[in-house]
Amino acid sequence: MRNSLQFRPMAITLLVILAVSYVLCIAGDLLFGWTMYEVWKPLLPGFAWPLTTGGFLIGLLWLIGYSLYIPALIVFPYNYLTHRQAV
């Protein structure tokens, strides 16, 4: 029996987790004066504080990119290595 990971469900799951975290952090910054924007600024080039619509959308675009990149780093090598061992 060969276990394999699927790219699409992992990418969608990661996108949902990152997007929800992003929105909650920004809401916390705006409502409660948190400083979570300092975490997002180095991770999301183009994201700016004080928050603008463009900066927010650029942040979401980067999160989409990360949610495709990270599963690619995990799923494809894992599937390749487990397939190799099974043969």
N, C-alpha and C. Protein backbone atom coordinates (compact mmCIF):
# COMPACT_ATOMS: atom_id res chain seq x y z
N MET A 1 0.84 -1.18 0.00
CA MET A 1 0.00 0.00 0.00
C MET A 1 0.89 1.25 0.00
N ARG A 2 0.63 2.12 -0.91
CA ARG A 2 1.43 3.34 -1.05
C ARG A 2 0.65 4.52 -0.51
N ASN A 3 1.23 5.18 0.46
CA ASN A 3 0.64 6.40 0.98
C ASN A 3 1.23 7.58 0.24
N SER A 4 0.38 8.45 -0.23
CA SER A 4 0.88 9.64 -0.90
C SER A 4 0.11 10.86 -0.41
N LEU A 5 0.78 11.97 -0.46
CA LEU A 5 0.15 13.23 -0.10
C LEU A 5 -0.40 13.87 -1.36
N GLN A 6 -1.48 14.60 -1.21
CA GLN A 6 -2.06 15.31 -2.34
C GLN A 6 -1.77 16.80 -2.20
N PHE A 7 -1.33 17.37 -3.29
CA PHE A 7 -0.91 18.77 -3.29
C PHE A 7 -2.07 19.72 -3.04
N ARG A 8 -3.15 19.55 -3.77
CA ARG A 8 -4.25 20.51 -3.72
C ARG A 8 -4.88 20.66 -2.33
N PRO A 9 -5.25 19.55 -1.65
CA PRO A 9 -5.82 19.73 -0.31
C PRO A 9 -4.85 20.38 0.67
N MET A 10 -3.57 20.04 0.56
CA MET A 10 -2.60 20.64 1.46
C MET A 10 -2.45 22.14 1.19
N ALA A 11 -2.44 22.53 -0.08
CA ALA A 11 -2.31 23.94 -0.43
C ALA A 11 -3.53 24.73 0.03
N ILE A 12 -4.72 24.17 -0.17
CA ILE A 12 -5.94 24.87 0.25
C ILE A 12 -5.99 25.00 1.77
N THR A 13 -5.62 23.93 2.46
CA THR A 13 -5.61 23.97 3.92
C THR A 13 -4.65 25.03 4.43
N LEU A 14 -3.46 25.06 3.87
CA LEU A 14 -2.47 26.04 4.29
C LEU A 14 -2.93 27.46 3.97
N LEU A 15 -3.56 27.66 2.82
CA LEU A 15 -4.07 28.99 2.47
C LEU A 15 -5.12 29.46 3.48
N VAL A 16 -6.03 28.58 3.85
CA VAL A 16 -7.07 28.95 4.81
C VAL A 16 -6.44 29.31 6.15
N ILE A 17 -5.49 28.49 6.61
CA ILE A 17 -4.84 28.76 7.90
C ILE A 17 -4.10 30.10 7.86
N LEU A 18 -3.34 30.34 6.81
CA LEU A 18 -2.59 31.59 6.71
C LEU A 18 -3.51 32.80 6.57
N ALA A 19 -4.55 32.69 5.75
CA ALA A 19 -5.45 33.82 5.54
C ALA A 19 -6.21 34.16 6.82
N VAL A 20 -6.69 33.15 7.53
CA VAL A 20 -7.40 33.40 8.79
C VAL A 20 -6.46 34.04 9.81
N SER A 21 -5.24 33.52 9.91
CA SER A 21 -4.27 34.10 10.84
C SER A 21 -3.96 35.54 10.48
N TYR A 22 -3.78 35.80 9.20
CA TYR A 22 -3.48 37.15 8.70
C TYR A 22 -4.60 38.13 9.06
N VAL A 23 -5.84 37.74 8.78
CA VAL A 23 -6.98 38.62 9.06
C VAL A 23 -7.15 38.83 10.56
N LEU A 24 -7.00 37.77 11.35
CA LEU A 24 -7.13 37.91 12.80
C LEU A 24 -6.03 38.81 13.39
N CYS A 25 -4.81 38.67 12.88
CA CYS A 25 -3.72 39.51 13.37
C CYS A 25 -3.96 40.98 13.02
N ILE A 26 -4.43 41.24 11.81
CA ILE A 26 -4.69 42.62 11.40
C ILE A 26 -5.86 43.19 12.20
N ALA A 27 -6.89 42.37 12.42
CA ALA A 27 -8.01 42.83 13.24
C ALA A 27 -7.54 43.14 14.65
N GLY A 28 -6.68 42.30 15.20
CA GLY A 28 -6.13 42.56 16.53
C GLY A 28 -5.31 43.83 16.57
N ASP A 29 -4.55 44.06 15.50
CA ASP A 29 -3.77 45.30 15.43
C ASP A 29 -4.68 46.53 15.42
N LEU A 30 -5.72 46.47 14.62
CA LEU A 30 -6.61 47.62 14.49
C LEU A 30 -7.50 47.82 15.72
N LEU A 31 -7.98 46.74 16.30
CA LEU A 31 -8.94 46.85 17.41
C LEU A 31 -8.29 46.96 18.78
N PHE A 32 -7.19 46.23 18.97
CA PHE A 32 -6.61 46.13 20.31
C PHE A 32 -5.21 46.72 20.43
N GLY A 33 -4.67 47.24 19.34
CA GLY A 33 -3.36 47.85 19.39
C GLY A 33 -2.21 46.86 19.45
N TRP A 34 -2.46 45.60 19.03
CA TRP A 34 -1.37 44.63 18.98
C TRP A 34 -0.33 45.12 17.98
N THR A 35 0.81 44.49 17.96
CA THR A 35 1.85 44.86 16.99
C THR A 35 2.22 43.68 16.10
N MET A 36 1.24 42.90 15.71
CA MET A 36 1.49 41.74 14.85
C MET A 36 1.93 42.16 13.44
N TYR A 37 1.62 43.39 13.05
CA TYR A 37 2.04 43.84 11.73
C TYR A 37 3.56 43.80 11.60
N GLU A 38 4.28 43.88 12.70
CA GLU A 38 5.74 43.80 12.64
C GLU A 38 6.20 42.42 12.21
N VAL A 39 5.40 41.40 12.44
CA VAL A 39 5.73 40.05 11.99
C VAL A 39 5.47 39.93 10.48
N TRP A 40 4.38 40.51 10.02
CA TRP A 40 4.00 40.37 8.62
C TRP A 40 4.88 41.20 7.68
N LYS A 41 5.37 42.34 8.15
CA LYS A 41 6.14 43.23 7.26
C LYS A 41 7.35 42.55 6.62
N PRO A 42 8.21 41.83 7.36
CA PRO A 42 9.34 41.20 6.68
C PRO A 42 8.95 39.96 5.86
N LEU A 43 7.83 39.34 6.18
CA LEU A 43 7.41 38.13 5.46
C LEU A 43 6.65 38.43 4.17
N LEU A 44 6.04 39.60 4.10
CA LEU A 44 5.19 39.94 2.96
C LEU A 44 5.65 41.25 2.33
N PRO A 45 6.59 41.19 1.39
CA PRO A 45 7.05 42.43 0.75
C PRO A 45 5.88 43.17 0.09
N GLY A 46 5.82 44.44 0.32
CA GLY A 46 4.73 45.26 -0.20
C GLY A 46 3.66 45.54 0.83
N PHE A 47 3.63 44.74 1.89
CA PHE A 47 2.69 44.99 2.99
C PHE A 47 3.19 46.21 3.74
N ALA A 48 2.28 47.13 4.03
CA ALA A 48 2.68 48.37 4.70
C ALA A 48 1.75 48.65 5.88
N TRP A 49 2.32 49.27 6.87
CA TRP A 49 1.52 49.74 8.02
C TRP A 49 1.77 51.20 8.19
N PRO A 50 0.82 52.09 8.31
CA PRO A 50 -0.59 51.84 8.51
C PRO A 50 -1.22 51.15 7.31
N LEU A 51 -2.23 50.38 7.60
CA LEU A 51 -2.84 49.49 6.63
C LEU A 51 -3.51 50.27 5.50
N THR A 52 -3.24 49.81 4.29
CA THR A 52 -3.93 50.32 3.10
C THR A 52 -4.57 49.13 2.39
N THR A 53 -5.51 49.41 1.53
CA THR A 53 -6.16 48.33 0.78
C THR A 53 -5.15 47.60 -0.08
N GLY A 54 -4.29 48.35 -0.74
CA GLY A 54 -3.28 47.74 -1.59
C GLY A 54 -2.31 46.87 -0.79
N GLY A 55 -1.88 47.36 0.35
CA GLY A 55 -0.97 46.59 1.19
C GLY A 55 -1.61 45.32 1.70
N PHE A 56 -2.89 45.40 2.06
CA PHE A 56 -3.62 44.23 2.53
C PHE A 56 -3.73 43.18 1.42
N LEU A 57 -4.07 43.62 0.21
CA LEU A 57 -4.22 42.69 -0.91
C LEU A 57 -2.88 42.09 -1.33
N ILE A 58 -1.82 42.88 -1.30
CA ILE A 58 -0.49 42.33 -1.60
C ILE A 58 -0.12 41.26 -0.58
N GLY A 59 -0.45 41.50 0.68
CA GLY A 59 -0.22 40.49 1.71
C GLY A 59 -0.96 39.20 1.40
N LEU A 60 -2.21 39.31 0.96
CA LEU A 60 -2.96 38.10 0.60
C LEU A 60 -2.36 37.39 -0.61
N LEU A 61 -1.86 38.15 -1.57
CA LEU A 61 -1.20 37.52 -2.72
C LEU A 61 0.05 36.75 -2.30
N TRP A 62 0.82 37.32 -1.40
CA TRP A 62 2.00 36.61 -0.89
C TRP A 62 1.59 35.34 -0.16
N LEU A 63 0.50 35.40 0.58
CA LEU A 63 0.03 34.21 1.29
C LEU A 63 -0.40 33.12 0.31
N ILE A 64 -0.99 33.50 -0.79
CA ILE A 64 -1.33 32.51 -1.83
C ILE A 64 -0.05 31.88 -2.37
N GLY A 65 0.95 32.70 -2.63
CA GLY A 65 2.22 32.16 -3.10
C GLY A 65 2.86 31.21 -2.10
N TYR A 66 2.86 31.59 -0.83
CA TYR A 66 3.43 30.72 0.21
C TYR A 66 2.63 29.43 0.33
N SER A 67 1.31 29.52 0.17
CA SER A 67 0.48 28.32 0.30
C SER A 67 0.64 27.37 -0.89
N LEU A 68 1.24 27.83 -1.96
CA LEU A 68 1.59 26.94 -3.08
C LEU A 68 3.03 26.44 -2.96
N TYR A 69 3.91 27.27 -2.47
CA TYR A 69 5.33 26.95 -2.38
C TYR A 69 5.62 25.91 -1.29
N ILE A 70 5.07 26.11 -0.10
CA ILE A 70 5.37 25.23 1.02
C ILE A 70 4.88 23.80 0.77
N PRO A 71 3.64 23.59 0.30
CA PRO A 71 3.25 22.20 0.00
C PRO A 71 4.08 21.58 -1.11
N ALA A 72 4.53 22.39 -2.07
CA ALA A 72 5.39 21.84 -3.13
C ALA A 72 6.69 21.32 -2.54
N LEU A 73 7.22 22.00 -1.53
CA LEU A 73 8.45 21.55 -0.88
C LEU A 73 8.24 20.27 -0.09
N ILE A 74 7.02 20.01 0.33
CA ILE A 74 6.74 18.83 1.14
C ILE A 74 6.18 17.68 0.32
N VAL A 75 5.14 17.93 -0.47
CA VAL A 75 4.39 16.87 -1.14
C VAL A 75 5.22 16.16 -2.20
N PHE A 76 5.84 16.89 -3.11
CA PHE A 76 6.52 16.24 -4.23
C PHE A 76 7.73 15.41 -3.79
N PRO A 77 8.60 15.93 -2.93
CA PRO A 77 9.69 15.05 -2.47
C PRO A 77 9.18 13.86 -1.66
N TYR A 78 8.18 14.07 -0.82
CA TYR A 78 7.63 12.96 -0.03
C TYR A 78 7.09 11.87 -0.94
N ASN A 79 6.27 12.24 -1.91
CA ASN A 79 5.70 11.26 -2.82
C ASN A 79 6.78 10.55 -3.63
N TYR A 80 7.78 11.29 -4.05
CA TYR A 80 8.88 10.68 -4.81
C TYR A 80 9.64 9.67 -3.96
N LEU A 81 9.98 10.07 -2.74
CA LEU A 81 10.77 9.18 -1.88
C LEU A 81 9.97 7.96 -1.42
N THR A 82 8.70 8.13 -1.12
CA THR A 82 7.91 6.96 -0.70
C THR A 82 7.64 6.03 -1.88
N HIS A 83 7.50 6.57 -3.06
CA HIS A 83 7.32 5.74 -4.24
C HIS A 83 8.60 4.95 -4.54
N ARG A 84 9.73 5.61 -4.39
CA ARG A 84 11.02 4.94 -4.62
C ARG A 84 11.25 3.79 -3.67
N GLN A 85 10.88 3.97 -2.42
CA GLN A 85 11.08 2.92 -1.43
C GLN A 85 10.13 1.74 -1.66
N ALA A 86 8.94 2.01 -2.21
CA ALA A 86 7.97 0.95 -2.44
C ALA A 86 8.35 0.07 -3.63
N VAL A 87 9.11 0.60 -4.54
CA VAL A 87 9.47 -0.16 -5.76
C VAL A 87 10.61 -1.08 -5.52
